[in-house]
Amino acid sequence: MSRVPPVKVVRAATAVRTALLTLTRRMVPPEIGLLELASGFMGTQAVYAAAKLGIADVLADGPLSADDIAAETGSDPDATYRLLRACVMFGLFTESADGRFGLTPLGSGLRSGVPGSILPVILMLGDPQYQGPWGRLAYSVETGEPAVEVALGKQLWEYLDENPEFAATFNNAMTCLTALDWPTVVAAYDFTPYSTIVDIGGGHGQLLALMLGASPTAKGVLQEREALVGPAEAQLREAGVRDRCRIESGSFFETAPSDGDLYVLRRVIHDFDDEQAVEILGTVRRHMPRGSTLLLLESVVPAGNTPHFAKALDLDMLIFVGGRERTERQFTTLLDRAGFRINRILPTVSTLSLIEAVPGR
């Protein structure tokens, strides 16, 4: 595992990058800057098309011409060249004087099955079933309601249950994001003091497997919907920790395991409005043994003009599930209502923070 840089270093680098971006925007007329901003969807779809065609894998062994790439991907040669040329502008590929295209470090993130790949995330972000609800953002802002039902005809979780292909795309992206966040999480938090780690709403079980890997003597409990029990079984078995785990199906609105000393919820609370979030946390609180700890892995929205990805992700929550990203004050209020007291909030170099809380009454 590569060494994770200190949070202060990353924040300083982010501040420099933000200052440079601000300066760049000020150097162009406002109407041009606005046009460039609104055209960002073109980059999204170009990256998605390159990912869908598997171009990065084709270029893994070295530069090729557009015709050769098209032959490998089964795409139209002229249209493939035009896509490659645009992707050069976005920094994914290079074009040499002899007309061959090569892979950049940025484009290498689109390769499949290699460390650092975010291919599953790109395949979700560019999917028409993901982009469609984003096209209805104005509806959500006007009504305060999720746009996903207008765009897809159903609530997100129901849609995923009925569309297994997109559900696989969605779950693969979530698994990839968990792996992407993990080095920053384990660099900030020590899991070894805990004997039983409970992962509530833990999807396919990847995070639980990683936590058990960081705490070799601990046992694990995964609570998830019945539909995900099978995939979780396979994931935990593949990770070599199935014999240390118990899987429970059930709704976190109704029940939670009662034998843990660390209860972890990763990006669960942001899926819900305040009343539902308090209900979930209250259920966990009622089932936690005395002396146990709650750990939320969530983004914490900074105040004022400070840039943070959570401010955009907040709109994603509004569109798809009616949830929200929260500030430190909002988390404090939420946890207090559910009977918890925050011990500490640990920032990481990713967009996540670790919110550690204990029963407060």
Protein backbone atom coordinates (compact mmCIF):
# COMPACT_ATOMS: atom_id res chain seq x y z
CA MET A 1 0.00 0.00 0.00
CA SER A 2 1.42 3.41 -0.95
CA ARG A 3 2.00 5.88 1.85
CA VAL A 4 -0.95 8.23 2.39
CA PRO A 5 0.18 11.87 2.60
CA PRO A 6 -0.70 13.87 5.72
CA VAL A 7 -4.05 15.65 5.69
CA LYS A 8 -2.35 19.04 6.12
CA VAL A 9 -0.21 18.48 3.03
CA VAL A 10 -3.23 17.49 0.94
CA ARG A 11 -5.21 20.48 2.16
CA ALA A 12 -2.33 22.83 1.29
CA ALA A 13 -2.07 21.30 -2.19
CA THR A 14 -5.84 21.59 -2.64
CA ALA A 15 -5.71 25.27 -1.64
CA VAL A 16 -3.02 25.92 -4.25
CA ARG A 17 -4.99 24.06 -6.92
CA THR A 18 -8.14 25.99 -6.05
CA ALA A 19 -6.28 29.30 -6.25
CA LEU A 20 -4.92 28.38 -9.69
CA LEU A 21 -8.38 27.39 -10.93
CA THR A 22 -9.83 30.66 -9.62
CA LEU A 23 -7.08 32.62 -11.37
CA THR A 24 -7.67 30.72 -14.62
CA ARG A 25 -11.39 31.51 -14.52
CA ARG A 26 -10.67 35.19 -14.00
CA MET A 27 -8.42 35.26 -17.07
CA VAL A 28 -11.30 34.50 -19.48
CA PRO A 29 -14.47 36.50 -20.13
CA PRO A 30 -17.33 35.38 -17.87
CA GLU A 31 -19.45 34.19 -20.80
CA ILE A 32 -16.61 31.95 -22.03
CA GLY A 33 -15.99 30.58 -18.56
CA LEU A 34 -19.69 29.84 -18.15
CA LEU A 35 -19.82 28.10 -21.53
CA GLU A 36 -16.85 25.92 -20.59
CA LEU A 37 -18.48 25.07 -17.27
CA ALA A 38 -21.80 24.13 -18.86
CA SER A 39 -20.03 21.99 -21.48
CA GLY A 40 -18.54 19.74 -18.82
CA PHE A 41 -20.97 16.97 -19.76
CA MET A 42 -19.00 16.50 -22.99
CA GLY A 43 -15.96 15.41 -21.00
CA THR A 44 -18.10 13.05 -18.93
CA GLN A 45 -19.48 11.33 -22.00
CA ALA A 46 -16.13 11.18 -23.81
CA VAL A 47 -14.53 9.48 -20.81
CA TYR A 48 -17.52 7.15 -20.50
CA ALA A 49 -17.34 6.18 -24.20
CA ALA A 50 -13.62 5.45 -23.89
CA ALA A 51 -14.32 3.35 -20.79
CA LYS A 52 -17.23 1.50 -22.41
CA LEU A 53 -15.09 0.60 -25.43
CA GLY A 54 -12.17 -0.54 -23.27
CA ILE A 55 -9.68 1.68 -25.10
CA ALA A 56 -7.32 1.93 -22.11
CA ASP A 57 -6.96 -1.86 -22.03
CA VAL A 58 -6.25 -1.91 -25.78
CA LEU A 59 -3.45 0.64 -25.28
CA ALA A 60 -1.94 -1.08 -22.25
CA ASP A 61 0.91 -2.60 -24.29
CA GLY A 62 1.79 0.56 -26.19
CA PRO A 63 0.59 3.19 -28.71
CA LEU A 64 -1.65 2.22 -31.62
CA SER A 65 -3.33 3.96 -34.53
CA ALA A 66 -7.01 4.79 -34.44
CA ASP A 67 -7.64 2.11 -37.08
CA ASP A 68 -5.91 -0.53 -34.96
CA ILE A 69 -7.83 0.57 -31.87
CA ALA A 70 -11.11 0.45 -33.79
CA ALA A 71 -10.31 -3.06 -35.00
CA GLU A 72 -9.77 -4.18 -31.40
CA THR A 73 -12.89 -2.50 -30.03
CA GLY A 74 -15.18 -3.20 -32.98
CA SER A 75 -15.94 0.49 -33.45
CA ASP A 76 -16.05 2.78 -36.50
CA PRO A 77 -12.49 3.90 -37.40
CA ASP A 78 -13.31 7.52 -38.21
CA ALA A 79 -15.56 8.00 -35.17
CA THR A 80 -12.94 6.27 -33.00
CA TYR A 81 -10.30 8.74 -34.18
CA ARG A 82 -12.58 11.66 -33.36
CA LEU A 83 -13.23 10.30 -29.87
CA LEU A 84 -9.49 9.74 -29.29
CA ARG A 85 -8.68 13.26 -30.46
CA ALA A 86 -11.19 14.71 -28.00
CA CYS A 87 -9.85 12.51 -25.20
CA VAL A 88 -6.35 13.85 -25.90
CA MET A 89 -7.76 17.29 -25.07
CA PHE A 90 -9.09 15.88 -21.79
CA GLY A 91 -5.72 14.36 -20.92
CA LEU A 92 -6.57 10.65 -21.28
CA PHE A 93 -4.38 9.92 -24.28
CA THR A 94 -1.53 11.40 -26.31
CA GLU A 95 -1.28 11.61 -30.12
CA SER A 96 2.17 11.31 -31.67
CA ALA A 97 3.35 12.78 -34.98
CA ASP A 98 2.84 9.41 -36.70
CA GLY A 99 -0.83 9.38 -35.66
CA ARG A 100 -0.59 6.77 -32.93
CA PHE A 101 -2.34 7.20 -29.61
CA GLY A 102 -0.80 6.37 -26.24
CA LEU A 103 -2.06 6.09 -22.68
CA THR A 104 -1.40 8.81 -20.09
CA PRO A 105 -1.26 8.25 -16.31
CA LEU A 106 -4.73 9.79 -16.13
CA GLY A 107 -6.07 7.44 -18.81
CA SER A 108 -4.51 4.45 -17.04
CA GLY A 109 -7.23 4.81 -14.42
CA LEU A 110 -9.63 3.41 -17.06
CA ARG A 111 -7.82 0.07 -17.33
CA SER A 112 -9.63 -2.92 -15.88
CA GLY A 113 -8.34 -5.05 -13.04
CA VAL A 114 -5.31 -2.95 -12.14
CA PRO A 115 -4.51 -1.03 -8.93
CA GLY A 116 -5.84 2.51 -9.00
CA SER A 117 -8.47 1.80 -11.64
CA ILE A 118 -11.76 3.64 -11.25
CA LEU A 119 -13.30 2.07 -14.34
CA PRO A 120 -16.41 0.82 -12.45
CA VAL A 121 -17.11 4.35 -11.20
CA ILE A 122 -16.81 5.87 -14.69
CA LEU A 123 -19.13 3.20 -16.08
CA MET A 124 -21.74 4.26 -13.52
CA LEU A 125 -21.27 8.03 -13.84
CA GLY A 126 -21.68 8.04 -17.62
CA ASP A 127 -24.51 5.51 -17.78
CA PRO A 128 -27.73 7.00 -19.23
CA GLN A 129 -29.62 5.60 -16.23
CA TYR A 130 -27.41 7.70 -13.96
CA GLN A 131 -27.26 10.75 -16.19
CA GLY A 132 -31.04 10.85 -16.74
CA PRO A 133 -31.94 11.84 -13.16
CA TRP A 134 -29.19 14.47 -13.15
CA GLY A 135 -30.91 16.03 -16.15
CA ARG A 136 -33.89 16.61 -13.84
CA LEU A 137 -31.95 18.48 -11.14
CA ALA A 138 -34.12 21.58 -11.64
CA TYR A 139 -37.17 19.47 -10.74
CA SER A 140 -35.57 18.45 -7.45
CA VAL A 141 -34.64 22.04 -6.65
CA GLU A 142 -38.14 23.27 -7.46
CA THR A 143 -39.92 20.57 -5.44
CA GLY A 144 -37.37 19.37 -2.89
CA GLU A 145 -38.16 15.82 -4.06
CA PRO A 146 -35.88 13.21 -5.69
CA ALA A 147 -35.87 13.43 -9.48
CA VAL A 148 -35.11 9.74 -9.90
CA GLU A 149 -38.79 8.79 -9.87
CA VAL A 150 -39.56 11.29 -12.64
CA ALA A 151 -36.60 10.11 -14.74
CA LEU A 152 -36.70 6.35 -14.10
CA GLY A 153 -40.26 5.82 -12.88
CA LYS A 154 -39.32 4.29 -9.52
CA GLN A 155 -37.41 4.96 -6.33
CA LEU A 156 -33.72 4.15 -6.69
CA TRP A 157 -33.65 0.99 -4.55
CA GLU A 158 -36.74 -0.40 -6.25
CA TYR A 159 -35.26 0.40 -9.66
CA LEU A 160 -32.03 -1.40 -8.75
CA ASP A 161 -33.95 -4.46 -7.56
CA GLU A 162 -35.78 -4.63 -10.90
CA ASN A 163 -32.81 -3.82 -13.17
CA PRO A 164 -30.01 -6.24 -12.32
CA GLU A 165 -27.63 -5.00 -15.03
CA PHE A 166 -27.62 -1.42 -13.76
CA ALA A 167 -27.64 -2.74 -10.18
CA ALA A 168 -24.39 -4.56 -10.95
CA THR A 169 -22.93 -1.36 -12.43
CA PHE A 170 -24.01 0.59 -9.34
CA ASN A 171 -22.71 -1.95 -6.83
CA ASN A 172 -19.40 -2.36 -8.67
CA ALA A 173 -18.95 1.42 -8.49
CA MET A 174 -19.68 1.44 -4.75
CA THR A 175 -17.17 -1.38 -4.22
CA CYS A 176 -14.56 0.56 -6.18
CA LEU A 177 -15.17 3.72 -4.15
CA THR A 178 -14.82 1.75 -0.92
CA ALA A 179 -11.42 0.47 -2.07
CA LEU A 180 -10.43 3.98 -3.15
CA ASP A 181 -11.27 5.43 0.27
CA TRP A 182 -9.83 2.61 2.36
CA PRO A 183 -6.12 3.62 2.50
CA THR A 184 -7.13 7.03 3.82
CA VAL A 185 -9.50 5.47 6.39
CA VAL A 186 -7.03 2.96 7.81
CA ALA A 187 -4.35 5.66 7.96
CA ALA A 188 -6.62 7.70 10.22
CA TYR A 189 -8.26 5.06 12.43
CA ASP A 190 -7.08 2.05 14.46
CA PHE A 191 -9.48 -0.89 14.26
CA THR A 192 -7.41 -3.29 16.38
CA PRO A 193 -8.98 -2.46 19.79
CA TYR A 194 -12.33 -3.93 18.70
CA SER A 195 -13.28 -7.59 19.01
CA THR A 196 -16.54 -7.51 17.01
CA ILE A 197 -17.00 -5.06 14.15
CA VAL A 198 -20.54 -4.59 12.84
CA ASP A 199 -20.95 -3.14 9.34
CA ILE A 200 -24.52 -1.90 8.89
CA GLY A 201 -25.68 -1.46 5.31
CA GLY A 202 -22.28 -2.75 4.18
CA GLY A 203 -23.26 -3.82 0.67
CA HIS A 204 -21.16 -6.68 -0.68
CA GLY A 205 -19.04 -6.75 2.47
CA GLN A 206 -15.85 -5.27 1.04
CA LEU A 207 -15.43 -2.69 3.80
CA LEU A 208 -15.99 -5.32 6.48
CA ALA A 209 -13.35 -7.53 4.85
CA LEU A 210 -10.90 -4.63 4.81
CA MET A 211 -11.59 -3.78 8.46
CA LEU A 212 -11.10 -7.41 9.48
CA GLY A 213 -7.86 -7.44 7.53
CA ALA A 214 -6.70 -4.46 9.58
CA SER A 215 -7.81 -6.17 12.81
CA PRO A 216 -6.79 -9.85 12.45
CA THR A 217 -8.28 -11.01 15.76
CA ALA A 218 -11.69 -9.38 15.32
CA LYS A 219 -14.93 -11.01 14.26
CA GLY A 220 -17.35 -9.31 11.91
CA VAL A 221 -21.08 -8.95 11.40
CA LEU A 222 -22.63 -7.68 8.18
CA GLN A 223 -26.22 -6.45 8.10
CA GLU A 224 -27.75 -5.96 4.66
CA ARG A 225 -30.86 -6.42 2.57
CA GLU A 226 -31.70 -10.01 1.64
CA ALA A 227 -30.92 -9.34 -2.04
CA LEU A 228 -27.26 -8.63 -1.21
CA VAL A 229 -26.60 -11.58 1.11
CA GLY A 230 -25.48 -13.87 -1.73
CA PRO A 231 -22.96 -11.43 -3.22
CA ALA A 232 -21.69 -10.61 0.27
CA GLU A 233 -21.11 -14.30 0.98
CA ALA A 234 -18.97 -14.54 -2.14
CA GLN A 235 -17.04 -11.33 -1.41
CA LEU A 236 -16.21 -12.31 2.17
CA ARG A 237 -15.21 -15.80 1.13
CA GLU A 238 -12.94 -14.46 -1.60
CA ALA A 239 -11.34 -12.10 0.93
CA GLY A 240 -10.61 -15.08 3.21
CA VAL A 241 -12.62 -13.77 6.17
CA ARG A 242 -15.94 -15.62 5.77
CA ASP A 243 -15.16 -17.89 8.74
CA ARG A 244 -14.85 -14.79 10.96
CA CYS A 245 -18.16 -13.26 9.83
CA ARG A 246 -21.86 -13.55 10.39
CA ILE A 247 -24.33 -12.12 7.87
CA GLU A 248 -27.74 -10.90 9.01
CA SER A 249 -30.47 -9.75 6.65
CA GLY A 250 -32.85 -7.08 7.82
CA SER A 251 -33.80 -3.44 7.72
CA PHE A 252 -31.70 -0.99 9.73
CA PHE A 253 -34.92 0.89 10.41
CA GLU A 254 -36.08 -2.07 12.49
CA THR A 255 -33.12 -3.94 13.93
CA ALA A 256 -29.35 -4.13 14.36
CA PRO A 257 -26.94 -6.78 15.69
CA SER A 258 -26.63 -6.62 19.46
CA ASP A 259 -23.14 -8.04 20.04
CA GLY A 260 -20.73 -5.52 18.53
CA ASP A 261 -18.27 -3.16 20.13
CA LEU A 262 -17.75 -1.10 16.96
CA TYR A 263 -20.72 -0.21 14.73
CA VAL A 264 -19.75 1.19 11.32
CA LEU A 265 -22.01 2.92 8.80
CA ARG A 266 -20.24 4.04 5.62
CA ARG A 267 -22.16 6.59 3.55
CA VAL A 268 -25.48 5.28 4.86
CA ILE A 269 -26.77 8.29 6.77
CA HIS A 270 -26.33 10.64 3.80
CA ASP A 271 -28.92 8.59 1.89
CA PHE A 272 -31.70 9.80 4.19
CA ASP A 273 -33.41 12.94 5.41
CA ASP A 274 -33.02 13.95 9.04
CA GLU A 275 -36.07 12.10 10.38
CA GLN A 276 -35.12 8.83 8.69
CA ALA A 277 -31.47 9.25 9.71
CA VAL A 278 -32.47 9.71 13.35
CA GLU A 279 -34.65 6.61 13.09
CA ILE A 280 -31.74 4.51 11.76
CA LEU A 281 -29.30 5.84 14.35
CA GLY A 282 -31.89 5.33 17.08
CA THR A 283 -32.31 1.69 16.06
CA VAL A 284 -28.55 1.18 16.25
CA ARG A 285 -28.42 2.97 19.60
CA ARG A 286 -31.08 0.67 21.10
CA HIS A 287 -29.20 -2.47 20.08
CA MET A 288 -25.65 -1.37 20.98
CA PRO A 289 -24.17 -2.94 24.12
CA ARG A 290 -22.88 -0.67 26.88
CA GLY A 291 -19.38 0.63 26.10
CA SER A 292 -19.60 0.17 22.32
CA THR A 293 -18.64 2.80 19.72
CA LEU A 294 -20.34 4.17 16.62
CA LEU A 295 -18.23 5.15 13.59
CA LEU A 296 -19.78 7.05 10.70
CA LEU A 297 -17.80 7.33 7.46
CA GLU A 298 -19.34 10.39 5.85
CA SER A 299 -18.37 13.62 4.14
CA VAL A 300 -18.52 16.68 6.36
CA VAL A 301 -19.48 19.82 4.45
CA PRO A 302 -17.16 22.73 5.28
CA ALA A 303 -18.58 26.17 5.97
CA GLY A 304 -18.47 29.19 3.69
CA ASN A 305 -16.76 29.23 0.29
CA THR A 306 -14.35 26.39 1.05
CA PRO A 307 -14.40 24.01 -1.95
CA HIS A 308 -15.34 20.42 -1.17
CA PHE A 309 -16.70 17.58 -3.30
CA ALA A 310 -19.46 17.06 -0.72
CA LYS A 311 -21.14 20.25 -1.93
CA ALA A 312 -21.71 18.64 -5.34
CA LEU A 313 -22.39 15.18 -3.89
CA ASP A 314 -25.14 16.79 -1.83
CA LEU A 315 -27.05 17.40 -5.07
CA ASP A 316 -26.58 13.74 -6.02
CA MET A 317 -28.24 12.76 -2.75
CA LEU A 318 -31.10 15.16 -3.40
CA ILE A 319 -31.66 13.80 -6.91
CA PHE A 320 -31.47 10.07 -6.23
CA VAL A 321 -32.65 9.40 -2.68
CA GLY A 322 -33.77 12.62 -1.04
CA GLY A 323 -30.81 12.49 1.34
CA ARG A 324 -28.14 15.10 2.05
CA GLU A 325 -24.53 15.75 2.99
CA ARG A 326 -24.18 17.50 6.36
CA THR A 327 -22.04 19.98 8.23
CA GLU A 328 -20.38 19.23 11.55
CA ARG A 329 -23.15 21.11 13.37
CA GLN A 330 -25.83 19.12 11.55
CA PHE A 331 -24.15 15.82 12.47
CA THR A 332 -23.89 16.93 16.08
CA THR A 333 -27.61 17.72 16.19
CA LEU A 334 -28.56 14.50 14.39
CA LEU A 335 -26.51 12.28 16.69
CA ASP A 336 -27.73 14.06 19.80
CA ARG A 337 -31.34 13.45 18.77
CA ALA A 338 -30.55 9.74 18.39
CA GLY A 339 -28.89 9.52 21.80
CA PHE A 340 -25.23 9.84 20.83
CA ARG A 341 -22.38 12.17 21.75
CA ILE A 342 -19.55 12.85 19.29
CA ASN A 343 -16.11 11.93 20.62
CA ARG A 344 -14.10 13.25 17.70
CA ILE A 345 -14.17 13.89 13.96
CA LEU A 346 -11.11 12.70 12.06
CA PRO A 347 -10.55 14.17 8.59
CA THR A 348 -8.87 12.07 5.90
CA VAL A 349 -7.16 12.93 2.63
CA SER A 350 -10.22 11.66 0.75
CA THR A 351 -13.66 13.27 0.86
CA LEU A 352 -14.55 11.15 3.91
CA SER A 353 -14.31 12.07 7.57
CA LEU A 354 -14.57 9.60 10.45
CA ILE A 355 -17.19 10.62 12.99
CA GLU A 356 -16.72 8.67 16.20
CA ALA A 357 -19.58 8.76 18.70
CA VAL A 358 -20.71 6.96 21.85
CA PRO A 359 -24.10 6.61 23.54
CA GLY A 360 -24.75 9.88 25.32
CA ARG A 361 -27.60 8.92 27.57
